[in-house]
Amino acid sequence: MTQADSAVTKRERSPIRSLTRLLSVMVESEERSFGIRELARALDIAPSSVQRTLETAQEVSLVAPDGSGGWELGWELFRLSSLASTKQPFGSARQYLEDLRDACGETAVLTVYDPQRAARMYVVACPSRHAVRFVPEVFQWMPMHAGATAFTILAHRPEEERRAIYDKGFPRLTGTTPTSAAQIEEVLADVLVKGYAITRDEVALGANAIAAPIVTPLGVTSSIAVITPVQRYTDELEERVIGLVTSCAAKLAGRLGHPSSQLATFL
């Protein structure tokens, strides 16, 4: 058995993983209905495995036949996703992000990190009211080797965890994306000293970001940032945003119970 065959077999023998991968393909696609062979190609597994996973998911109404030989998402999945959205851990953070956006006039975002996936995503975004602005997509997984929000989190993660991320490589997102562990480690050392990160053009051309970590008793798995188009970015704005971002991060840390935050009493 080849290494690839072994990987496929492992995926097939993990029902939860198989179901999660299947639902991810169906949810993230623009299509509403899917054929078994289409799903098999997308998942790189045998059609018989897709059939078994679909039938299991159908038993609890996570998927349903569409009436024309295909499959679509089921009502139980819609019910659960709707209820889950009301329990988002950082739902109450939106007001802090809106205040941050209004104070500096630029887009404010909250990023969370999943150590299991070794990836991050925006979960709250408050876009600038300027006509020219960056409006990040929320709930889209992004890599950890570039970007201010990634670095403010990564600086506080264990070395072994960081090395595992570096082992995945450094795909270029722009011409200034870091391409080595040494580059990133130098940035992370600076983050630990200053308490914030500044990146320019690393994830999207024309976008500058200033981010600060949210430090909690459980460590750092989230950060906030302000993203500014390069044409409005000035030294004066940078200095002001650094203060606003670090203050906002401290407030959120206080709300989450971090004992060192002196701002917690004002929340």
Protein backbone atom coordinates (compact mmCIF):
# COMPACT_ATOMS: atom_id res chain seq x y z
CA MET A 1 0.00 0.00 0.00
CA THR A 2 1.36 3.41 -0.98
CA GLN A 3 1.52 6.36 1.40
CA ALA A 4 -1.32 8.04 -0.51
CA ASP A 5 -3.48 4.91 -0.28
CA SER A 6 -2.77 4.73 3.44
CA ALA A 7 -3.87 8.34 3.90
CA VAL A 8 -7.12 7.71 2.03
CA THR A 9 -7.80 4.58 4.08
CA LYS A 10 -7.21 6.51 7.29
CA ARG A 11 -9.67 9.19 6.21
CA GLU A 12 -12.28 6.58 5.36
CA ARG A 13 -11.94 4.92 8.77
CA SER A 14 -12.59 8.15 10.65
CA PRO A 15 -16.36 8.71 10.44
CA ILE A 16 -16.32 12.15 12.07
CA ARG A 17 -13.49 13.36 9.84
CA SER A 18 -15.21 11.96 6.75
CA LEU A 19 -18.50 13.62 7.64
CA THR A 20 -16.83 16.94 8.43
CA ARG A 21 -14.93 16.95 5.13
CA LEU A 22 -18.09 16.06 3.24
CA LEU A 23 -20.18 18.79 4.86
CA SER A 24 -17.36 21.33 4.38
CA VAL A 25 -17.35 20.70 0.63
CA MET A 26 -21.13 21.04 0.44
CA VAL A 27 -21.33 24.16 2.61
CA GLU A 28 -18.41 26.01 1.02
CA SER A 29 -19.47 25.33 -2.57
CA GLU A 30 -21.73 27.72 -4.47
CA GLU A 31 -23.76 24.74 -5.67
CA ARG A 32 -26.84 23.60 -3.77
CA SER A 33 -27.00 19.99 -4.99
CA PHE A 34 -24.23 17.41 -5.39
CA GLY A 35 -23.74 14.07 -7.08
CA ILE A 36 -21.87 11.22 -5.40
CA ARG A 37 -19.10 11.09 -8.00
CA GLU A 38 -18.71 14.87 -7.85
CA LEU A 39 -18.23 14.69 -4.09
CA ALA A 40 -15.87 11.73 -4.44
CA ARG A 41 -13.62 13.74 -6.78
CA ALA A 42 -13.64 16.74 -4.45
CA LEU A 43 -12.76 14.57 -1.44
CA ASP A 44 -10.40 12.24 -3.32
CA ILE A 45 -12.07 9.12 -1.94
CA ALA A 46 -14.08 6.26 -3.39
CA PRO A 47 -17.74 6.90 -4.37
CA SER A 48 -18.77 4.00 -2.13
CA SER A 49 -17.27 5.81 0.86
CA VAL A 50 -19.16 8.98 -0.04
CA GLN A 51 -22.36 6.97 -0.34
CA ARG A 52 -21.90 5.48 3.14
CA THR A 53 -21.17 8.89 4.69
CA LEU A 54 -24.20 10.46 2.99
CA GLU A 55 -26.49 7.69 4.18
CA THR A 56 -25.23 8.05 7.74
CA ALA A 57 -25.69 11.83 7.62
CA GLN A 58 -29.18 11.37 6.19
CA GLU A 59 -30.20 9.35 9.25
CA VAL A 60 -29.88 12.49 11.39
CA SER A 61 -31.08 14.94 8.67
CA LEU A 62 -27.70 16.60 8.11
CA VAL A 63 -28.14 15.92 4.38
CA ALA A 64 -31.11 14.92 2.25
CA PRO A 65 -31.80 13.60 -1.26
CA ASP A 66 -32.72 16.43 -3.63
CA GLY A 67 -35.31 14.40 -5.55
CA SER A 68 -33.29 14.19 -8.75
CA GLY A 69 -30.54 11.77 -7.77
CA GLY A 70 -28.34 14.26 -5.97
CA TRP A 71 -27.84 15.36 -2.38
CA GLU A 72 -28.29 18.66 -0.55
CA LEU A 73 -27.81 20.01 2.95
CA GLY A 74 -30.45 18.91 5.45
CA TRP A 75 -32.64 20.97 7.73
CA GLU A 76 -30.99 19.70 10.92
CA LEU A 77 -27.69 21.18 9.76
CA PHE A 78 -29.35 24.55 9.15
CA ARG A 79 -31.01 24.38 12.58
CA LEU A 80 -27.74 23.59 14.37
CA SER A 81 -25.72 26.22 12.50
CA SER A 82 -28.31 28.88 13.32
CA LEU A 83 -28.27 28.00 17.03
CA ALA A 84 -24.48 27.75 17.10
CA SER A 85 -24.09 31.25 15.67
CA THR A 86 -25.82 32.69 18.75
CA LYS A 87 -23.18 31.11 20.99
CA GLN A 88 -20.11 32.39 19.17
CA PRO A 89 -17.49 32.98 21.91
CA PHE A 90 -16.55 36.44 20.69
CA GLY A 91 -20.02 37.68 19.83
CA SER A 92 -19.82 40.37 22.52
CA ALA A 93 -16.56 41.66 21.04
CA ARG A 94 -18.31 43.40 18.15
CA GLN A 95 -18.99 46.55 20.16
CA TYR A 96 -15.28 46.83 21.03
CA LEU A 97 -14.37 46.42 17.37
CA GLU A 98 -16.94 49.00 16.30
CA ASP A 99 -15.53 51.47 18.84
CA LEU A 100 -12.04 50.76 17.53
CA ARG A 101 -13.18 51.28 13.93
CA ASP A 102 -14.90 54.55 14.81
CA ALA A 103 -11.87 55.83 16.75
CA CYS A 104 -9.43 55.37 13.87
CA GLY A 105 -11.74 55.33 10.85
CA GLU A 106 -10.30 52.09 9.48
CA THR A 107 -11.40 48.45 9.30
CA ALA A 108 -11.12 46.54 12.58
CA VAL A 109 -11.00 42.74 12.74
CA LEU A 110 -10.88 39.98 15.34
CA THR A 111 -8.88 36.86 14.46
CA VAL A 112 -8.98 33.45 16.15
CA TYR A 113 -6.45 30.64 15.81
CA ASP A 114 -7.08 26.89 15.80
CA PRO A 115 -3.97 24.96 16.91
CA GLN A 116 -5.40 21.73 15.51
CA ARG A 117 -5.66 23.20 12.02
CA ALA A 118 -2.65 25.50 12.48
CA ALA A 119 -4.70 28.20 10.78
CA ARG A 120 -6.54 31.40 11.63
CA MET A 121 -9.69 33.17 10.52
CA TYR A 122 -11.49 36.46 10.99
CA VAL A 123 -14.63 35.99 13.10
CA VAL A 124 -15.63 39.64 13.46
CA ALA A 125 -14.99 42.41 10.92
CA CYS A 126 -16.13 46.03 11.21
CA PRO A 127 -15.38 47.65 7.83
CA SER A 128 -14.22 51.24 7.49
CA ARG A 129 -16.82 53.70 6.28
CA HIS A 130 -14.42 55.10 3.67
CA ALA A 131 -15.24 54.34 0.04
CA VAL A 132 -11.79 52.75 -0.40
CA ARG A 133 -11.44 50.07 2.27
CA PHE A 134 -10.60 46.47 2.96
CA VAL A 135 -13.51 44.19 3.82
CA PRO A 136 -12.06 40.82 4.90
CA GLU A 137 -14.06 37.64 4.53
CA VAL A 138 -15.03 36.13 7.86
CA PHE A 139 -14.90 32.41 8.65
CA GLN A 140 -12.32 31.63 5.98
CA TRP A 141 -9.23 29.71 7.11
CA MET A 142 -5.94 31.51 6.43
CA PRO A 143 -2.29 30.50 6.87
CA MET A 144 -0.11 31.49 9.82
CA HIS A 145 3.10 32.41 8.00
CA ALA A 146 2.05 35.95 7.07
CA GLY A 147 0.07 38.85 8.48
CA ALA A 148 0.04 40.90 11.68
CA THR A 149 -2.81 38.97 13.31
CA ALA A 150 -0.97 35.71 12.68
CA PHE A 151 2.31 36.96 14.11
CA THR A 152 0.82 38.39 17.30
CA ILE A 153 -0.64 34.95 18.02
CA LEU A 154 2.32 32.93 16.80
CA ALA A 155 4.74 34.88 18.99
CA HIS A 156 3.03 33.41 22.05
CA ARG A 157 2.78 29.80 20.83
CA PRO A 158 5.25 27.03 21.80
CA GLU A 159 8.35 26.63 19.65
CA GLU A 160 7.43 23.09 18.66
CA GLU A 161 4.07 24.32 17.39
CA ARG A 162 5.68 27.10 15.40
CA ARG A 163 8.18 24.71 13.83
CA ALA A 164 5.37 22.42 12.72
CA ILE A 165 3.78 25.40 10.96
CA TYR A 166 7.07 26.32 9.27
CA ASP A 167 7.44 22.72 8.05
CA LYS A 168 4.34 23.27 5.89
CA GLY A 169 6.24 25.80 3.81
CA PHE A 170 5.81 29.47 2.98
CA PRO A 171 3.48 29.90 -0.01
CA ARG A 172 3.74 33.41 -1.41
CA LEU A 173 0.59 35.47 -1.01
CA THR A 174 2.28 38.66 -2.25
CA GLY A 175 5.79 39.72 -3.15
CA THR A 176 6.56 40.58 0.49
CA THR A 177 5.25 37.39 2.14
CA PRO A 178 7.94 35.93 4.47
CA THR A 179 9.66 32.92 2.93
CA SER A 180 11.67 31.50 5.82
CA ALA A 181 11.40 30.56 9.48
CA ALA A 182 14.28 32.90 10.26
CA GLN A 183 12.39 35.88 8.86
CA ILE A 184 9.31 35.08 10.90
CA GLU A 185 11.20 34.34 14.10
CA GLU A 186 12.87 37.75 13.89
CA VAL A 187 9.43 39.38 13.61
CA LEU A 188 8.05 37.33 16.50
CA ALA A 189 10.90 38.36 18.78
CA ASP A 190 10.04 41.98 18.02
CA VAL A 191 6.36 41.32 18.77
CA LEU A 192 7.22 39.97 22.22
CA VAL A 193 9.18 43.12 23.00
CA LYS A 194 6.72 45.68 21.62
CA GLY A 195 3.41 43.93 22.23
CA TYR A 196 2.12 44.46 18.69
CA ALA A 197 2.91 43.66 15.05
CA ILE A 198 2.91 45.78 11.90
CA THR A 199 2.86 44.23 8.44
CA ARG A 200 2.68 45.76 4.99
CA ASP A 201 1.44 44.03 1.84
CA GLU A 202 2.12 40.54 3.25
CA VAL A 203 -1.36 39.08 2.75
CA ALA A 204 -3.01 41.51 0.31
CA LEU A 205 -1.34 44.14 -1.84
CA GLY A 206 -2.03 47.66 -0.65
CA ALA A 207 -3.05 46.60 2.87
CA ASN A 208 -1.17 47.57 6.01
CA ALA A 209 -2.14 45.98 9.33
CA ILE A 210 -1.42 46.69 13.00
CA ALA A 211 -2.37 43.91 15.43
CA ALA A 212 -2.15 43.10 19.13
CA PRO A 213 -2.67 39.77 20.93
CA ILE A 214 -5.51 39.05 23.33
CA VAL A 215 -3.76 37.48 26.30
CA THR A 216 -5.92 35.23 28.49
CA PRO A 217 -5.23 32.73 31.29
CA LEU A 218 -5.31 29.98 28.65
CA GLY A 219 -2.70 31.68 26.49
CA VAL A 220 -3.04 33.51 23.18
CA THR A 221 -5.36 32.14 20.52
CA SER A 222 -6.79 35.42 19.22
CA SER A 223 -5.82 38.95 18.25
CA ILE A 224 -7.31 42.16 16.94
CA ALA A 225 -6.08 44.37 14.15
CA VAL A 226 -6.74 47.50 12.14
CA ILE A 227 -6.29 47.19 8.38
CA THR A 228 -5.61 50.34 6.37
CA PRO A 229 -5.20 50.96 2.62
CA VAL A 230 -1.66 52.11 1.88
CA GLN A 231 -2.86 55.44 0.45
CA ARG A 232 -4.25 56.52 3.85
CA TYR A 233 -1.44 55.07 5.96
CA THR A 234 0.72 57.72 7.65
CA ASP A 235 3.19 57.80 10.52
CA GLU A 236 0.66 59.77 12.55
CA LEU A 237 -2.06 57.19 11.91
CA GLU A 238 0.32 54.37 12.77
CA GLU A 239 1.19 55.87 16.14
CA ARG A 240 -2.48 56.46 17.00
CA VAL A 241 -3.63 53.01 15.89
CA ILE A 242 -0.91 51.25 17.91
CA GLY A 243 -2.32 52.81 21.07
CA LEU A 244 -5.93 52.08 20.12
CA VAL A 245 -5.28 48.45 19.13
CA THR A 246 -3.23 47.56 22.21
CA SER A 247 -5.79 49.23 24.47
CA CYS A 248 -8.67 47.37 22.81
CA ALA A 249 -6.82 44.05 23.12
CA ALA A 250 -6.28 44.73 26.84
CA LYS A 251 -9.98 45.47 27.30
CA LEU A 252 -10.96 42.22 25.64
CA ALA A 253 -8.39 40.34 27.73
CA GLY A 254 -9.94 41.89 30.82
CA ARG A 255 -13.41 40.85 29.75
CA LEU A 256 -12.13 37.32 29.35
CA GLY A 257 -10.76 37.39 32.87
CA HIS A 258 -7.05 38.04 32.47
CA PRO A 259 -5.88 39.03 35.97
CA SER A 260 -3.16 41.45 34.81
CA SER A 261 -5.52 43.70 32.88
CA GLN A 262 -6.05 46.94 34.79
CA LEU A 263 -8.88 47.82 32.40
CA ALA A 264 -11.08 44.92 33.47
CA THR A 265 -12.81 47.01 36.15
CA PHE A 266 -14.14 49.40 33.52
CA LEU A 267 -15.90 46.69 31.47
